[in-house]
N, C-alpha and C. Protein backbone atom coordinates (compact mmCIF):
# COMPACT_ATOMS: atom_id res chain seq x y z
N MET A 1 0.82 -1.19 0.00
CA MET A 1 0.00 0.00 0.00
C MET A 1 0.87 1.26 0.00
N LEU A 2 1.98 1.20 0.71
CA LEU A 2 2.89 2.35 0.75
C LEU A 2 3.39 2.70 -0.65
N GLU A 3 3.70 1.68 -1.43
CA GLU A 3 4.20 1.93 -2.79
C GLU A 3 3.14 2.62 -3.65
N LYS A 4 1.90 2.16 -3.57
CA LYS A 4 0.82 2.80 -4.33
C LYS A 4 0.67 4.26 -3.91
N LEU A 5 0.74 4.49 -2.61
CA LEU A 5 0.60 5.84 -2.08
C LEU A 5 1.77 6.72 -2.52
N LYS A 6 2.97 6.15 -2.55
CA LYS A 6 4.13 6.89 -3.03
C LYS A 6 3.93 7.32 -4.48
N ASN A 7 3.38 6.41 -5.29
CA ASN A 7 3.13 6.73 -6.70
C ASN A 7 2.10 7.86 -6.83
N ILE A 8 1.05 7.80 -6.03
CA ILE A 8 0.03 8.85 -6.05
C ILE A 8 0.64 10.19 -5.64
N LEU A 9 1.45 10.18 -4.59
CA LEU A 9 2.08 11.41 -4.12
C LEU A 9 3.03 11.98 -5.16
N THR A 10 3.78 11.12 -5.81
CA THR A 10 4.70 11.57 -6.85
C THR A 10 3.93 12.21 -8.00
N GLU A 11 2.78 11.63 -8.35
CA GLU A 11 1.94 12.22 -9.39
C GLU A 11 1.38 13.56 -8.94
N THR A 12 1.07 13.68 -7.65
CA THR A 12 0.46 14.90 -7.12
C THR A 12 1.48 16.04 -7.03
N ILE A 13 2.68 15.74 -6.54
CA ILE A 13 3.66 16.81 -6.30
C ILE A 13 4.78 16.84 -7.32
N GLY A 14 4.86 15.82 -8.15
CA GLY A 14 6.00 15.70 -9.04
C GLY A 14 7.14 15.02 -8.31
N ASP A 15 8.12 14.59 -9.04
CA ASP A 15 9.25 13.89 -8.43
C ASP A 15 10.25 14.93 -7.94
N LYS A 16 10.18 15.22 -6.64
CA LYS A 16 11.08 16.22 -6.05
C LYS A 16 12.31 15.58 -5.41
N GLY A 17 12.44 14.27 -5.59
CA GLY A 17 13.59 13.59 -5.03
C GLY A 17 13.51 13.40 -3.53
N ILE A 18 12.32 13.56 -2.97
CA ILE A 18 12.12 13.40 -1.53
C ILE A 18 11.76 11.94 -1.26
N GLU A 19 12.46 11.35 -0.31
CA GLU A 19 12.12 9.98 0.06
C GLU A 19 10.84 10.01 0.90
N ILE A 20 9.86 9.25 0.45
CA ILE A 20 8.56 9.21 1.14
C ILE A 20 8.50 7.96 1.98
N THR A 21 8.28 8.16 3.28
CA THR A 21 8.13 7.05 4.22
C THR A 21 6.79 7.23 4.94
N GLU A 22 6.46 6.30 5.81
CA GLU A 22 5.22 6.44 6.58
C GLU A 22 5.24 7.67 7.47
N ASN A 23 6.42 8.12 7.87
CA ASN A 23 6.53 9.27 8.77
C ASN A 23 6.58 10.60 8.04
N THR A 24 6.53 10.58 6.72
CA THR A 24 6.59 11.82 5.95
C THR A 24 5.34 12.66 6.24
N VAL A 25 5.57 13.92 6.59
CA VAL A 25 4.48 14.86 6.87
C VAL A 25 4.06 15.50 5.54
N LEU A 26 2.79 15.38 5.24
CA LEU A 26 2.29 15.80 3.92
C LEU A 26 2.54 17.27 3.63
N MET A 27 2.22 18.14 4.57
CA MET A 27 2.32 19.56 4.30
C MET A 27 3.75 20.08 4.43
N SER A 28 4.39 19.81 5.54
CA SER A 28 5.72 20.40 5.74
C SER A 28 6.82 19.68 4.97
N ASP A 29 6.81 18.35 4.94
CA ASP A 29 7.88 17.62 4.25
C ASP A 29 7.70 17.65 2.73
N LEU A 30 6.46 17.53 2.27
CA LEU A 30 6.20 17.47 0.83
C LEU A 30 5.74 18.80 0.24
N GLY A 31 5.45 19.75 1.12
CA GLY A 31 5.03 21.07 0.64
C GLY A 31 3.62 21.11 0.08
N LEU A 32 2.77 20.17 0.49
CA LEU A 32 1.40 20.18 0.01
C LEU A 32 0.62 21.32 0.65
N ASN A 33 -0.27 21.93 -0.12
CA ASN A 33 -1.19 22.92 0.45
C ASN A 33 -2.57 22.28 0.53
N SER A 34 -3.56 23.04 0.95
CA SER A 34 -4.89 22.45 1.16
C SER A 34 -5.49 21.94 -0.15
N LEU A 35 -5.25 22.62 -1.25
CA LEU A 35 -5.76 22.13 -2.54
C LEU A 35 -5.06 20.83 -2.93
N ASP A 36 -3.76 20.75 -2.68
CA ASP A 36 -3.02 19.50 -2.96
C ASP A 36 -3.59 18.35 -2.14
N LEU A 37 -3.97 18.62 -0.88
CA LEU A 37 -4.53 17.57 -0.03
C LEU A 37 -5.86 17.07 -0.59
N VAL A 38 -6.68 17.98 -1.10
CA VAL A 38 -7.95 17.59 -1.70
C VAL A 38 -7.69 16.74 -2.95
N ASN A 39 -6.75 17.16 -3.78
CA ASN A 39 -6.39 16.39 -4.97
C ASN A 39 -5.85 15.01 -4.60
N LEU A 40 -5.05 14.97 -3.54
CA LEU A 40 -4.53 13.69 -3.05
C LEU A 40 -5.68 12.79 -2.61
N ALA A 41 -6.61 13.36 -1.87
CA ALA A 41 -7.76 12.59 -1.38
C ALA A 41 -8.55 12.01 -2.55
N VAL A 42 -8.78 12.80 -3.59
CA VAL A 42 -9.51 12.33 -4.77
C VAL A 42 -8.76 11.18 -5.43
N SER A 43 -7.45 11.32 -5.57
CA SER A 43 -6.64 10.26 -6.18
C SER A 43 -6.68 8.98 -5.35
N VAL A 44 -6.61 9.12 -4.03
CA VAL A 44 -6.67 7.96 -3.14
C VAL A 44 -8.05 7.31 -3.24
N GLU A 45 -9.09 8.12 -3.27
CA GLU A 45 -10.45 7.57 -3.42
C GLU A 45 -10.57 6.75 -4.69
N ASP A 46 -10.05 7.28 -5.79
CA ASP A 46 -10.12 6.57 -7.07
C ASP A 46 -9.30 5.28 -7.05
N GLU A 47 -8.10 5.36 -6.52
CA GLU A 47 -7.20 4.20 -6.52
C GLU A 47 -7.70 3.06 -5.63
N PHE A 48 -8.24 3.40 -4.46
CA PHE A 48 -8.61 2.39 -3.48
C PHE A 48 -10.12 2.17 -3.38
N ASP A 49 -10.90 2.86 -4.23
CA ASP A 49 -12.35 2.73 -4.25
C ASP A 49 -12.96 2.94 -2.87
N ILE A 50 -12.58 4.06 -2.26
CA ILE A 50 -13.11 4.44 -0.95
C ILE A 50 -13.60 5.88 -1.05
N GLU A 51 -14.22 6.36 0.02
CA GLU A 51 -14.64 7.75 0.08
C GLU A 51 -13.99 8.39 1.31
N ILE A 52 -13.38 9.54 1.10
CA ILE A 52 -12.78 10.29 2.20
C ILE A 52 -13.63 11.54 2.40
N PRO A 53 -14.36 11.61 3.50
CA PRO A 53 -15.18 12.80 3.75
C PRO A 53 -14.30 14.05 3.87
N ASP A 54 -14.82 15.18 3.44
CA ASP A 54 -14.06 16.43 3.50
C ASP A 54 -13.52 16.70 4.89
N ARG A 55 -14.32 16.41 5.90
CA ARG A 55 -13.89 16.68 7.28
C ARG A 55 -12.72 15.79 7.72
N ALA A 56 -12.55 14.65 7.05
CA ALA A 56 -11.46 13.73 7.41
C ALA A 56 -10.14 14.15 6.78
N ILE A 57 -10.20 14.91 5.69
CA ILE A 57 -8.98 15.29 4.99
C ILE A 57 -8.04 16.06 5.90
N LYS A 58 -8.58 16.94 6.73
CA LYS A 58 -7.74 17.77 7.61
C LYS A 58 -7.00 16.94 8.65
N ASP A 59 -7.46 15.72 8.91
CA ASP A 59 -6.81 14.85 9.89
C ASP A 59 -5.67 14.03 9.29
N LEU A 60 -5.52 14.08 7.99
CA LEU A 60 -4.47 13.32 7.32
C LEU A 60 -3.19 14.15 7.30
N LYS A 61 -2.37 13.95 8.30
CA LYS A 61 -1.15 14.75 8.46
C LYS A 61 0.09 14.07 7.89
N THR A 62 0.15 12.74 8.02
CA THR A 62 1.32 11.99 7.56
C THR A 62 0.88 10.91 6.57
N VAL A 63 1.85 10.33 5.91
CA VAL A 63 1.57 9.21 5.01
C VAL A 63 0.93 8.07 5.80
N LYS A 64 1.39 7.85 7.01
CA LYS A 64 0.84 6.79 7.87
C LYS A 64 -0.64 7.05 8.17
N ASP A 65 -1.01 8.31 8.37
CA ASP A 65 -2.42 8.65 8.60
C ASP A 65 -3.28 8.23 7.40
N VAL A 66 -2.77 8.47 6.21
CA VAL A 66 -3.50 8.10 4.99
C VAL A 66 -3.64 6.58 4.91
N ILE A 67 -2.55 5.87 5.17
CA ILE A 67 -2.57 4.40 5.14
C ILE A 67 -3.56 3.87 6.16
N ASP A 68 -3.52 4.41 7.38
CA ASP A 68 -4.45 3.96 8.43
C ASP A 68 -5.89 4.20 8.01
N PHE A 69 -6.16 5.35 7.41
CA PHE A 69 -7.53 5.66 6.98
C PHE A 69 -7.98 4.66 5.92
N ILE A 70 -7.12 4.38 4.96
CA ILE A 70 -7.47 3.42 3.89
C ILE A 70 -7.76 2.04 4.48
N GLU A 71 -6.93 1.61 5.41
CA GLU A 71 -7.08 0.28 5.99
C GLU A 71 -8.36 0.15 6.79
N LYS A 72 -8.86 1.25 7.36
CA LYS A 72 -10.09 1.22 8.15
C LYS A 72 -11.33 1.16 7.27
N GLN A 73 -11.17 1.47 6.01
CA GLN A 73 -12.33 1.51 5.09
C GLN A 73 -12.66 0.14 4.58
């Protein structure tokens, strides 16, 4: 799942040469803004066939948070 998420993140932000791990912080480490987070959520929804409510997006701080959310669905 981490590899799929890495691919989605690379598509979202471009290949900035940043190593993405479970501890990577989406906003500060990857430079995502709120619009990027929404785009990420849409891509994750499409890839994993889940729905991420708008209110849940703000709670996704790290890559691990995204993985945990996907696994709970």
